[in-house]
Amino acid sequence: ISQRTREALARKKAEGVVLGRPKGRKTAPEKHKLYPKRELIRGLLAEKVSKRQIAKICKCDRNTLARYIKEVIEKEAC
């Protein structure tokens, strides 16, 4: 199976197809689904509301919220 996969990827690359995740997708904070709610999240964090409660309010998973806080909000605070 891996032989076939390697051959197919080599063929696609030879055809000029760009493989992999698009550049910049992961680093652009405005592309994140929680970006429109960033002020709400900041306010709730300032009021010491738990991350679990904030995730429930934003209708997202708590791990998604934690990752957003770590990657976007903490970077903006620096």
N, C-alpha and C. Protein backbone atom coordinates (compact mmCIF):
# COMPACT_ATOMS: atom_id res chain seq x y z
N ILE A 1 0.83 -1.20 0.00
CA ILE A 1 0.00 0.00 0.00
C ILE A 1 0.87 1.25 0.00
N SER A 2 1.91 1.28 0.82
CA SER A 2 2.76 2.47 0.89
C SER A 2 3.46 2.74 -0.44
N GLN A 3 3.77 1.70 -1.16
CA GLN A 3 4.41 1.84 -2.48
C GLN A 3 3.45 2.57 -3.43
N ARG A 4 2.19 2.14 -3.44
CA ARG A 4 1.18 2.77 -4.31
C ARG A 4 0.97 4.23 -3.92
N THR A 5 0.95 4.48 -2.61
CA THR A 5 0.75 5.85 -2.12
C THR A 5 1.89 6.74 -2.57
N ARG A 6 3.12 6.26 -2.39
CA ARG A 6 4.30 7.04 -2.80
C ARG A 6 4.27 7.34 -4.29
N GLU A 7 3.90 6.33 -5.08
CA GLU A 7 3.83 6.52 -6.53
C GLU A 7 2.77 7.56 -6.90
N ALA A 8 1.61 7.48 -6.25
CA ALA A 8 0.52 8.42 -6.55
C ALA A 8 0.92 9.84 -6.16
N LEU A 9 1.57 10.01 -5.01
CA LEU A 9 2.01 11.33 -4.57
C LEU A 9 3.07 11.89 -5.51
N ALA A 10 3.99 11.03 -5.96
CA ALA A 10 5.03 11.47 -6.89
C ALA A 10 4.40 11.90 -8.22
N ARG A 11 3.38 11.15 -8.67
CA ARG A 11 2.70 11.48 -9.92
C ARG A 11 1.98 12.83 -9.79
N LYS A 12 1.28 13.04 -8.67
CA LYS A 12 0.57 14.31 -8.45
C LYS A 12 1.54 15.48 -8.39
N LYS A 13 2.67 15.27 -7.72
CA LYS A 13 3.67 16.32 -7.60
C LYS A 13 4.23 16.67 -8.99
N ALA A 14 4.45 15.65 -9.82
CA ALA A 14 4.95 15.87 -11.17
C ALA A 14 3.93 16.64 -12.02
N GLU A 15 2.64 16.45 -11.71
CA GLU A 15 1.58 17.17 -12.43
C GLU A 15 1.46 18.62 -11.96
N GLY A 16 2.15 18.94 -10.87
CA GLY A 16 2.12 20.31 -10.37
C GLY A 16 1.08 20.58 -9.30
N VAL A 17 0.48 19.52 -8.76
CA VAL A 17 -0.52 19.68 -7.71
C VAL A 17 0.18 20.02 -6.40
N VAL A 18 -0.32 21.03 -5.69
CA VAL A 18 0.27 21.41 -4.40
C VAL A 18 -0.29 20.47 -3.33
N LEU A 19 0.61 19.83 -2.62
CA LEU A 19 0.21 18.86 -1.60
C LEU A 19 0.32 19.47 -0.21
N GLY A 20 -0.49 18.99 0.72
CA GLY A 20 -0.39 19.41 2.11
C GLY A 20 -1.32 20.54 2.49
N ARG A 21 -1.20 20.98 3.74
CA ARG A 21 -2.03 22.04 4.29
C ARG A 21 -1.61 23.37 3.68
N PRO A 22 -2.57 24.22 3.32
CA PRO A 22 -2.23 25.53 2.76
C PRO A 22 -1.43 26.37 3.76
N LYS A 23 -0.46 27.13 3.26
CA LYS A 23 0.39 27.95 4.13
C LYS A 23 -0.43 29.05 4.78
N GLY A 24 -0.09 29.35 6.04
CA GLY A 24 -0.70 30.46 6.73
C GLY A 24 -2.06 30.17 7.32
N ARG A 25 -2.67 29.07 7.02
CA ARG A 25 -3.99 28.76 7.50
C ARG A 25 -4.01 28.69 9.03
N LYS A 26 -3.00 28.05 9.58
CA LYS A 26 -2.99 27.82 11.02
C LYS A 26 -2.56 29.06 11.80
N THR A 27 -1.86 29.96 11.17
CA THR A 27 -1.30 31.09 11.90
C THR A 27 -2.18 32.34 11.85
N ALA A 28 -3.15 32.39 10.98
CA ALA A 28 -3.98 33.59 10.86
C ALA A 28 -5.10 33.57 11.91
N PRO A 29 -4.99 34.40 12.95
CA PRO A 29 -6.00 34.36 14.02
C PRO A 29 -7.39 34.75 13.55
N GLU A 30 -7.50 35.62 12.55
CA GLU A 30 -8.83 36.03 12.10
C GLU A 30 -9.58 34.93 11.36
N LYS A 31 -8.90 33.85 11.02
CA LYS A 31 -9.55 32.72 10.36
C LYS A 31 -10.14 31.74 11.38
N HIS A 32 -9.80 31.90 12.65
CA HIS A 32 -10.26 30.99 13.69
C HIS A 32 -11.75 31.19 13.94
N LYS A 33 -12.47 30.09 14.23
CA LYS A 33 -13.92 30.21 14.40
C LYS A 33 -14.31 30.99 15.65
N LEU A 34 -13.42 31.13 16.62
CA LEU A 34 -13.72 31.88 17.83
C LEU A 34 -13.31 33.35 17.73
N TYR A 35 -12.70 33.74 16.63
CA TYR A 35 -12.22 35.12 16.48
C TYR A 35 -13.32 36.17 16.67
N PRO A 36 -14.53 35.97 16.11
CA PRO A 36 -15.57 36.98 16.32
C PRO A 36 -16.00 37.13 17.78
N LYS A 37 -15.74 36.11 18.60
CA LYS A 37 -16.15 36.14 20.00
C LYS A 37 -15.00 36.50 20.94
N ARG A 38 -13.90 37.02 20.40
CA ARG A 38 -12.70 37.23 21.22
C ARG A 38 -12.91 38.22 22.36
N GLU A 39 -13.70 39.28 22.12
CA GLU A 39 -13.94 40.27 23.18
C GLU A 39 -14.78 39.66 24.30
N LEU A 40 -15.77 38.85 23.93
CA LEU A 40 -16.59 38.16 24.92
C LEU A 40 -15.72 37.23 25.76
N ILE A 41 -14.85 36.48 25.11
CA ILE A 41 -13.96 35.55 25.81
C ILE A 41 -13.04 36.30 26.75
N ARG A 42 -12.46 37.41 26.27
CA ARG A 42 -11.58 38.22 27.13
C ARG A 42 -12.32 38.73 28.36
N GLY A 43 -13.54 39.21 28.16
CA GLY A 43 -14.34 39.72 29.27
C GLY A 43 -14.66 38.65 30.29
N LEU A 44 -15.03 37.48 29.81
CA LEU A 44 -15.36 36.38 30.72
C LEU A 44 -14.13 35.90 31.47
N LEU A 45 -12.98 35.88 30.79
CA LEU A 45 -11.74 35.49 31.47
C LEU A 45 -11.39 36.50 32.55
N ALA A 46 -11.61 37.78 32.28
CA ALA A 46 -11.33 38.83 33.27
C ALA A 46 -12.24 38.70 34.48
N GLU A 47 -13.46 38.19 34.26
CA GLU A 47 -14.42 38.00 35.36
C GLU A 47 -14.19 36.67 36.08
N LYS A 48 -13.14 35.95 35.71
CA LYS A 48 -12.77 34.67 36.33
C LYS A 48 -13.82 33.57 36.11
N VAL A 49 -14.51 33.62 34.95
CA VAL A 49 -15.43 32.55 34.58
C VAL A 49 -14.59 31.37 34.11
N SER A 50 -15.00 30.15 34.47
CA SER A 50 -14.20 28.97 34.11
C SER A 50 -14.19 28.77 32.60
N LYS A 51 -13.12 28.16 32.12
CA LYS A 51 -12.98 27.90 30.69
C LYS A 51 -14.08 26.97 30.20
N ARG A 52 -14.49 26.06 31.05
CA ARG A 52 -15.57 25.13 30.68
C ARG A 52 -16.87 25.90 30.45
N GLN A 53 -17.17 26.86 31.33
CA GLN A 53 -18.37 27.67 31.19
C GLN A 53 -18.29 28.56 29.94
N ILE A 54 -17.11 29.13 29.70
CA ILE A 54 -16.93 29.98 28.51
C ILE A 54 -17.15 29.15 27.25
N ALA A 55 -16.62 27.93 27.23
CA ALA A 55 -16.79 27.05 26.07
C ALA A 55 -18.26 26.75 25.84
N LYS A 56 -19.00 26.55 26.92
CA LYS A 56 -20.43 26.29 26.80
C LYS A 56 -21.15 27.51 26.22
N ILE A 57 -20.78 28.70 26.69
CA ILE A 57 -21.38 29.95 26.20
C ILE A 57 -21.07 30.14 24.71
N CYS A 58 -19.83 29.84 24.31
CA CYS A 58 -19.40 30.02 22.91
C CYS A 58 -19.81 28.85 22.01
N LYS A 59 -20.41 27.82 22.60
CA LYS A 59 -20.84 26.63 21.87
C LYS A 59 -19.69 25.97 21.12
N CYS A 60 -18.59 25.74 21.86
CA CYS A 60 -17.46 25.02 21.29
C CYS A 60 -16.90 24.08 22.35
N ASP A 61 -16.01 23.21 21.95
CA ASP A 61 -15.40 22.28 22.89
C ASP A 61 -14.41 23.02 23.78
N ARG A 62 -14.26 22.57 25.01
CA ARG A 62 -13.36 23.25 25.95
C ARG A 62 -11.91 23.19 25.49
N ASN A 63 -11.54 22.13 24.79
CA ASN A 63 -10.17 22.03 24.27
C ASN A 63 -9.94 23.03 23.13
N THR A 64 -10.96 23.26 22.31
CA THR A 64 -10.86 24.26 21.24
C THR A 64 -10.66 25.63 21.86
N LEU A 65 -11.42 25.93 22.91
CA LEU A 65 -11.29 27.22 23.59
C LEU A 65 -9.91 27.36 24.21
N ALA A 66 -9.44 26.31 24.88
CA ALA A 66 -8.13 26.37 25.53
C ALA A 66 -7.03 26.61 24.50
N ARG A 67 -7.13 25.96 23.35
CA ARG A 67 -6.14 26.14 22.29
C ARG A 67 -6.21 27.57 21.75
N TYR A 68 -7.41 28.10 21.57
CA TYR A 68 -7.58 29.48 21.08
C TYR A 68 -6.97 30.47 22.06
N ILE A 69 -7.23 30.28 23.35
CA ILE A 69 -6.68 31.18 24.37
C ILE A 69 -5.16 31.13 24.34
N LYS A 70 -4.63 29.94 24.25
CA LYS A 70 -3.17 29.77 24.26
C LYS A 70 -2.53 30.38 23.01
N GLU A 71 -3.11 30.12 21.85
CA GLU A 71 -2.49 30.54 20.59
C GLU A 71 -2.76 32.00 20.23
N VAL A 72 -3.91 32.53 20.56
CA VAL A 72 -4.28 33.86 20.09
C VAL A 72 -4.29 34.90 21.20
N ILE A 73 -5.06 34.65 22.23
CA ILE A 73 -5.24 35.67 23.26
C ILE A 73 -3.96 35.91 24.05
N GLU A 74 -3.25 34.85 24.42
CA GLU A 74 -2.01 35.04 25.17
C GLU A 74 -0.94 35.71 24.32
N LYS A 75 -0.93 35.45 23.01
CA LYS A 75 0.05 36.10 22.12
C LYS A 75 -0.26 37.58 21.99
N GLU A 76 -1.56 37.93 21.94
CA GLU A 76 -1.94 39.34 21.83
C GLU A 76 -1.61 40.10 23.10
N ALA A 77 -1.65 39.41 24.24
CA ALA A 77 -1.38 40.05 25.53
C ALA A 77 0.11 40.39 25.68
N CYS A 78 0.96 39.65 25.00
CA CYS A 78 2.41 39.89 25.12
C CYS A 78 2.86 41.14 24.42
